[in-house]
Amino acid sequence: MRLLIKHFLIAVFLVLVLTFIGASCSKSTSSSNSALVATSEVTIKDMSFSPQNISVSSGTVVTWKNEDTTEHQVISDGDLPDLMSGILEPNDTFSFTFDKSGTFNYHCNIHPSMKGQVSVK
C-alpha cells in the first residue's frame, strides 16, 4: 500500500511539474507574440491612397508606400499632429504607429484632393 501511495505522489508531482513547464512555455510564447506589432500597408498610386479607408487595432503600424510616379506627403487633418511624413519620392515609405482609438483622417499635403482614413479600435 505504501508503495502505491509513493507512486501516486510521484505521478502527481510529475504532472504538476509538467503542467508548470507547459504553462511557462505558453507564457513566454504569448509574451513574445504580444511584442509583435501588426502592420497594414496603404499604397499611393494613380494619385490616390489604396485602400482609402482602413481599420486597424490599437498598436498597429501603418505603412504608406509611394508607388506613384510623383512625390506625395501623408499628413493628418489635425487629430494626430505627429502623423506627418516628409516628402515621399517614388518607392519611398512612411510608417506610423496608431496607439490610440479613434477615426483619423489624413491627406496628401501636395495633392489635397487625395484623402484617406484610419479607424483604430
N, C-alpha and C. Protein backbone atom coordinates (compact mmCIF):
# COMPACT_ATOMS: atom_id res chain seq x y z
N MET A 1 0.83 -1.19 0.00
CA MET A 1 0.00 0.00 0.00
C MET A 1 0.87 1.26 0.00
N ARG A 2 1.94 1.24 0.83
CA ARG A 2 2.84 2.40 0.87
C ARG A 2 3.48 2.63 -0.49
N LEU A 3 3.83 1.55 -1.18
CA LEU A 3 4.43 1.67 -2.49
C LEU A 3 3.46 2.31 -3.48
N LEU A 4 2.21 1.96 -3.40
CA LEU A 4 1.18 2.53 -4.26
C LEU A 4 1.03 4.03 -3.98
N ILE A 5 1.01 4.42 -2.73
CA ILE A 5 0.91 5.84 -2.35
C ILE A 5 2.14 6.59 -2.84
N LYS A 6 3.32 5.97 -2.69
CA LYS A 6 4.55 6.62 -3.14
C LYS A 6 4.51 6.86 -4.66
N HIS A 7 4.07 5.86 -5.42
CA HIS A 7 3.97 6.01 -6.88
C HIS A 7 2.93 7.06 -7.26
N PHE A 8 1.82 7.07 -6.51
CA PHE A 8 0.79 8.07 -6.76
C PHE A 8 1.33 9.48 -6.53
N LEU A 9 2.05 9.69 -5.44
CA LEU A 9 2.61 11.01 -5.14
C LEU A 9 3.66 11.42 -6.18
N ILE A 10 4.46 10.48 -6.64
CA ILE A 10 5.44 10.79 -7.70
C ILE A 10 4.71 11.18 -8.98
N ALA A 11 3.65 10.46 -9.31
CA ALA A 11 2.88 10.77 -10.52
C ALA A 11 2.26 12.17 -10.42
N VAL A 12 1.69 12.49 -9.26
CA VAL A 12 1.10 13.83 -9.05
C VAL A 12 2.19 14.90 -9.18
N PHE A 13 3.34 14.64 -8.58
CA PHE A 13 4.46 15.58 -8.67
C PHE A 13 4.87 15.80 -10.12
N LEU A 14 4.99 14.72 -10.89
CA LEU A 14 5.39 14.84 -12.31
C LEU A 14 4.35 15.61 -13.12
N VAL A 15 3.08 15.35 -12.85
CA VAL A 15 2.02 16.08 -13.55
C VAL A 15 2.11 17.57 -13.23
N LEU A 16 2.33 17.90 -11.97
CA LEU A 16 2.45 19.31 -11.59
C LEU A 16 3.66 19.96 -12.25
N VAL A 17 4.79 19.25 -12.28
CA VAL A 17 5.99 19.79 -12.91
C VAL A 17 5.77 20.00 -14.39
N LEU A 18 5.19 19.02 -15.06
CA LEU A 18 4.93 19.15 -16.50
C LEU A 18 3.92 20.25 -16.80
N THR A 19 2.92 20.39 -15.95
CA THR A 19 1.94 21.46 -16.12
C THR A 19 2.62 22.82 -15.96
N PHE A 20 3.49 22.94 -14.96
CA PHE A 20 4.21 24.20 -14.75
C PHE A 20 5.10 24.52 -15.94
N ILE A 21 5.81 23.52 -16.44
CA ILE A 21 6.69 23.73 -17.59
C ILE A 21 5.87 24.13 -18.81
N GLY A 22 4.75 23.46 -19.03
CA GLY A 22 3.88 23.80 -20.17
C GLY A 22 3.33 25.21 -20.05
N ALA A 23 2.93 25.60 -18.84
CA ALA A 23 2.41 26.96 -18.63
C ALA A 23 3.51 27.99 -18.86
N SER A 24 4.72 27.66 -18.42
CA SER A 24 5.83 28.59 -18.64
C SER A 24 6.11 28.77 -20.11
N CYS A 25 6.05 27.68 -20.87
CA CYS A 25 6.27 27.78 -22.32
C CYS A 25 5.18 28.60 -22.96
N SER A 26 3.94 28.39 -22.53
CA SER A 26 2.84 29.15 -23.10
C SER A 26 2.98 30.62 -22.79
N LYS A 27 3.38 30.93 -21.57
CA LYS A 27 3.52 32.33 -21.20
C LYS A 27 4.61 33.01 -22.02
N SER A 28 5.74 32.36 -22.19
CA SER A 28 6.81 33.01 -22.94
C SER A 28 6.42 33.15 -24.40
N THR A 29 5.68 32.18 -24.94
CA THR A 29 5.25 32.30 -26.33
C THR A 29 4.27 33.44 -26.47
N SER A 30 3.32 33.55 -25.55
CA SER A 30 2.34 34.60 -25.68
C SER A 30 2.96 35.97 -25.45
N SER A 31 3.92 36.09 -24.55
CA SER A 31 4.53 37.40 -24.35
C SER A 31 5.36 37.79 -25.56
N SER A 32 6.00 36.82 -26.22
CA SER A 32 6.75 37.19 -27.42
C SER A 32 5.79 37.55 -28.54
N ASN A 33 4.61 36.91 -28.58
CA ASN A 33 3.63 37.29 -29.59
C ASN A 33 3.09 38.69 -29.33
N SER A 34 2.93 39.05 -28.07
CA SER A 34 2.41 40.38 -27.78
C SER A 34 3.43 41.46 -28.14
N ALA A 35 4.70 41.09 -28.25
CA ALA A 35 5.71 42.06 -28.64
C ALA A 35 5.66 42.32 -30.15
N LEU A 36 5.05 41.40 -30.89
CA LEU A 36 4.94 41.60 -32.32
C LEU A 36 3.90 42.69 -32.59
N VAL A 37 4.15 43.50 -33.58
CA VAL A 37 3.24 44.57 -33.92
C VAL A 37 2.62 44.28 -35.27
N ALA A 38 1.30 44.39 -35.33
CA ALA A 38 0.62 44.20 -36.61
C ALA A 38 0.96 45.34 -37.55
N THR A 39 0.98 45.03 -38.82
CA THR A 39 1.23 46.08 -39.79
C THR A 39 0.13 46.09 -40.84
N SER A 40 -0.04 47.22 -41.44
CA SER A 40 -1.00 47.37 -42.51
C SER A 40 -0.39 48.32 -43.52
N GLU A 41 -0.58 48.04 -44.79
CA GLU A 41 0.04 48.87 -45.82
C GLU A 41 -1.00 49.60 -46.65
N VAL A 42 -0.70 50.87 -46.93
CA VAL A 42 -1.50 51.68 -47.82
C VAL A 42 -0.61 52.03 -49.01
N THR A 43 -1.10 51.78 -50.20
CA THR A 43 -0.35 52.08 -51.41
C THR A 43 -0.77 53.44 -51.94
N ILE A 44 0.21 54.22 -52.36
CA ILE A 44 -0.07 55.50 -53.01
C ILE A 44 0.22 55.30 -54.48
N LYS A 45 -0.83 55.37 -55.30
CA LYS A 45 -0.68 55.12 -56.74
C LYS A 45 -1.82 55.77 -57.48
N ASP A 46 -1.52 56.26 -58.66
CA ASP A 46 -2.55 56.90 -59.51
C ASP A 46 -3.26 58.03 -58.76
N MET A 47 -2.47 58.79 -58.00
CA MET A 47 -2.98 59.96 -57.28
C MET A 47 -4.09 59.60 -56.28
N SER A 48 -3.93 58.43 -55.61
CA SER A 48 -4.90 58.05 -54.58
C SER A 48 -4.25 57.11 -53.56
N PHE A 49 -4.90 57.02 -52.40
CA PHE A 49 -4.49 56.09 -51.36
C PHE A 49 -5.33 54.82 -51.52
N SER A 50 -4.68 53.67 -51.46
CA SER A 50 -5.41 52.42 -51.62
C SER A 50 -4.92 51.40 -50.59
N PRO A 51 -5.81 50.94 -49.72
CA PRO A 51 -7.21 51.33 -49.61
C PRO A 51 -7.33 52.74 -49.02
N GLN A 52 -8.41 53.39 -49.36
CA GLN A 52 -8.62 54.76 -48.89
C GLN A 52 -8.98 54.78 -47.41
N ASN A 53 -9.74 53.78 -46.97
CA ASN A 53 -10.14 53.67 -45.56
C ASN A 53 -9.70 52.31 -45.03
N ILE A 54 -9.01 52.32 -43.89
CA ILE A 54 -8.62 51.05 -43.27
C ILE A 54 -9.01 51.06 -41.80
N SER A 55 -9.20 49.86 -41.26
CA SER A 55 -9.49 49.68 -39.83
C SER A 55 -8.38 48.82 -39.25
N VAL A 56 -7.81 49.26 -38.14
CA VAL A 56 -6.72 48.54 -37.50
C VAL A 56 -6.94 48.53 -35.99
N SER A 57 -6.21 47.65 -35.33
CA SER A 57 -6.23 47.61 -33.86
C SER A 57 -5.22 48.60 -33.33
N SER A 58 -5.45 49.06 -32.11
CA SER A 58 -4.50 49.96 -31.47
C SER A 58 -3.14 49.29 -31.38
N GLY A 59 -2.09 50.03 -31.68
CA GLY A 59 -0.74 49.49 -31.67
C GLY A 59 -0.26 49.06 -33.04
N THR A 60 -1.12 49.17 -34.04
CA THR A 60 -0.76 48.75 -35.40
C THR A 60 0.11 49.80 -36.06
N VAL A 61 1.12 49.32 -36.78
CA VAL A 61 1.98 50.18 -37.58
C VAL A 61 1.39 50.20 -38.99
N VAL A 62 1.04 51.37 -39.46
CA VAL A 62 0.54 51.52 -40.83
C VAL A 62 1.69 52.09 -41.66
N THR A 63 1.92 51.48 -42.82
CA THR A 63 2.99 51.93 -43.71
C THR A 63 2.39 52.36 -45.04
N TRP A 64 2.74 53.56 -45.45
CA TRP A 64 2.35 54.07 -46.76
C TRP A 64 3.53 53.89 -47.70
N LYS A 65 3.26 53.33 -48.89
CA LYS A 65 4.33 53.15 -49.88
C LYS A 65 3.94 53.91 -51.14
N ASN A 66 4.84 54.79 -51.57
CA ASN A 66 4.59 55.58 -52.77
C ASN A 66 4.97 54.78 -54.01
N GLU A 67 3.98 54.24 -54.68
CA GLU A 67 4.19 53.51 -55.92
C GLU A 67 3.77 54.36 -57.12
N ASP A 68 3.66 55.64 -56.91
CA ASP A 68 3.27 56.57 -57.97
C ASP A 68 4.54 57.10 -58.66
N THR A 69 4.33 57.87 -59.70
CA THR A 69 5.47 58.44 -60.45
C THR A 69 5.83 59.84 -59.99
N THR A 70 5.11 60.34 -59.00
CA THR A 70 5.37 61.68 -58.47
C THR A 70 5.48 61.63 -56.95
N GLU A 71 5.94 62.69 -56.33
CA GLU A 71 6.08 62.72 -54.88
C GLU A 71 4.76 63.02 -54.20
N HIS A 72 4.65 62.53 -52.97
CA HIS A 72 3.45 62.75 -52.15
C HIS A 72 3.88 63.00 -50.72
N GLN A 73 2.91 63.39 -49.89
CA GLN A 73 3.16 63.58 -48.47
C GLN A 73 1.90 63.20 -47.70
N VAL A 74 2.07 62.39 -46.65
CA VAL A 74 0.96 61.99 -45.79
C VAL A 74 0.94 62.92 -44.59
N ILE A 75 -0.24 63.54 -44.35
CA ILE A 75 -0.34 64.46 -43.22
C ILE A 75 -1.75 64.39 -42.61
N SER A 76 -1.80 64.44 -41.29
CA SER A 76 -3.07 64.38 -40.56
C SER A 76 -3.92 65.61 -40.87
N ASP A 77 -5.23 65.41 -40.83
CA ASP A 77 -6.16 66.54 -40.95
C ASP A 77 -6.24 67.34 -39.66
N GLY A 78 -5.51 66.92 -38.63
CA GLY A 78 -5.46 67.69 -37.39
C GLY A 78 -5.56 66.88 -36.13
N ASP A 79 -6.14 65.67 -36.19
CA ASP A 79 -6.34 64.87 -34.99
C ASP A 79 -5.04 64.29 -34.43
N LEU A 80 -4.07 64.06 -35.30
CA LEU A 80 -2.78 63.49 -34.90
C LEU A 80 -1.65 64.35 -35.45
N PRO A 81 -1.19 65.34 -34.71
CA PRO A 81 -0.16 66.22 -35.23
C PRO A 81 1.14 65.49 -35.59
N ASP A 82 1.40 64.33 -34.97
CA ASP A 82 2.62 63.58 -35.29
C ASP A 82 2.51 62.80 -36.60
N LEU A 83 1.31 62.67 -37.13
CA LEU A 83 1.14 61.95 -38.40
C LEU A 83 1.49 62.91 -39.54
N MET A 84 2.78 62.91 -39.89
CA MET A 84 3.26 63.79 -40.94
C MET A 84 4.54 63.20 -41.53
N SER A 85 4.43 62.77 -42.76
CA SER A 85 5.63 62.24 -43.42
C SER A 85 6.41 63.40 -44.03
N GLY A 86 7.63 63.13 -44.37
CA GLY A 86 8.35 64.06 -45.22
C GLY A 86 7.83 63.87 -46.64
N ILE A 87 8.51 64.47 -47.58
CA ILE A 87 8.16 64.25 -48.98
C ILE A 87 8.52 62.81 -49.33
N LEU A 88 7.55 62.07 -49.86
CA LEU A 88 7.78 60.69 -50.26
C LEU A 88 8.02 60.64 -51.77
N GLU A 89 9.25 60.39 -52.12
CA GLU A 89 9.59 60.21 -53.53
C GLU A 89 9.05 58.84 -53.98
N PRO A 90 8.97 58.58 -55.29
CA PRO A 90 8.55 57.26 -55.74
C PRO A 90 9.39 56.17 -55.07
N ASN A 91 8.72 55.12 -54.61
CA ASN A 91 9.28 53.96 -53.89
C ASN A 91 9.65 54.22 -52.44
N ASP A 92 9.45 55.44 -51.93
CA ASP A 92 9.68 55.72 -50.52
C ASP A 92 8.52 55.18 -49.69
N THR A 93 8.80 54.94 -48.39
CA THR A 93 7.75 54.52 -47.47
C THR A 93 7.76 55.43 -46.25
N PHE A 94 6.62 55.44 -45.57
CA PHE A 94 6.46 56.16 -44.31
C PHE A 94 5.62 55.29 -43.40
N SER A 95 6.03 55.12 -42.13
CA SER A 95 5.28 54.30 -41.18
C SER A 95 4.91 55.12 -39.96
N PHE A 96 3.74 54.79 -39.41
CA PHE A 96 3.23 55.48 -38.22
C PHE A 96 2.50 54.45 -37.36
N THR A 97 2.74 54.49 -36.05
CA THR A 97 2.07 53.59 -35.11
C THR A 97 0.85 54.30 -34.54
N PHE A 98 -0.31 53.66 -34.71
CA PHE A 98 -1.56 54.21 -34.18
C PHE A 98 -1.81 53.60 -32.81
N ASP A 99 -1.55 54.41 -31.75
CA ASP A 99 -1.63 53.93 -30.37
C ASP A 99 -2.94 54.27 -29.67
N LYS A 100 -3.73 55.17 -30.25
CA LYS A 100 -4.99 55.50 -29.56
C LYS A 100 -6.17 55.26 -30.49
N SER A 101 -7.29 54.93 -29.86
CA SER A 101 -8.50 54.63 -30.61
C SER A 101 -9.10 55.89 -31.19
N GLY A 102 -9.81 55.72 -32.30
CA GLY A 102 -10.50 56.84 -32.92
C GLY A 102 -10.47 56.71 -34.43
N THR A 103 -11.02 57.71 -35.09
CA THR A 103 -11.02 57.77 -36.54
C THR A 103 -10.17 58.96 -36.94
N PHE A 104 -9.16 58.69 -37.76
CA PHE A 104 -8.17 59.71 -38.10
C PHE A 104 -8.13 59.92 -39.62
N ASN A 105 -8.44 61.13 -40.01
CA ASN A 105 -8.41 61.48 -41.43
C ASN A 105 -7.05 62.07 -41.78
N TYR A 106 -6.61 61.80 -43.01
CA TYR A 106 -5.35 62.35 -43.50
C TYR A 106 -5.48 62.67 -44.98
N HIS A 107 -4.49 63.37 -45.49
CA HIS A 107 -4.49 63.74 -46.91
C HIS A 107 -3.05 63.87 -47.39
N CYS A 108 -2.90 64.05 -48.68
CA CYS A 108 -1.59 64.36 -49.26
C CYS A 108 -1.44 65.86 -49.23
N ASN A 109 -0.40 66.34 -48.58
CA ASN A 109 -0.20 67.78 -48.45
C ASN A 109 0.11 68.44 -49.79
N ILE A 110 0.65 67.67 -50.74
CA ILE A 110 0.98 68.20 -52.07
C ILE A 110 -0.25 68.17 -52.98
N HIS A 111 -1.08 67.15 -52.80
CA HIS A 111 -2.30 66.99 -53.61
C HIS A 111 -3.49 66.85 -52.65
N PRO A 112 -4.03 67.97 -52.14
CA PRO A 112 -5.05 67.94 -51.09
C PRO A 112 -6.33 67.16 -51.43
N SER A 113 -6.56 66.89 -52.70
CA SER A 113 -7.76 66.12 -53.05
C SER A 113 -7.58 64.64 -52.72
N MET A 114 -6.35 64.21 -52.47
CA MET A 114 -6.10 62.82 -52.07
C MET A 114 -6.35 62.69 -50.58
N LYS A 115 -7.34 61.86 -50.21
CA LYS A 115 -7.72 61.73 -48.81
C LYS A 115 -7.79 60.28 -48.40
N GLY A 116 -7.57 60.05 -47.10
CA GLY A 116 -7.67 58.70 -46.55
C GLY A 116 -8.11 58.75 -45.10
N GLN A 117 -8.39 57.56 -44.55
CA GLN A 117 -8.88 57.49 -43.17
C GLN A 117 -8.39 56.19 -42.53
N VAL A 118 -8.00 56.31 -41.27
CA VAL A 118 -7.61 55.14 -40.48
C VAL A 118 -8.52 55.11 -39.25
N SER A 119 -9.24 54.00 -39.09
CA SER A 119 -10.08 53.78 -37.91
C SER A 119 -9.34 52.82 -37.00
N VAL A 120 -9.14 53.24 -35.75
CA VAL A 120 -8.36 52.45 -34.79
C VAL A 120 -9.31 52.00 -33.68
N LYS A 121 -9.33 50.68 -33.46
CA LYS A 121 -10.22 50.10 -32.42
C LYS A 121 -9.41 49.76 -31.20
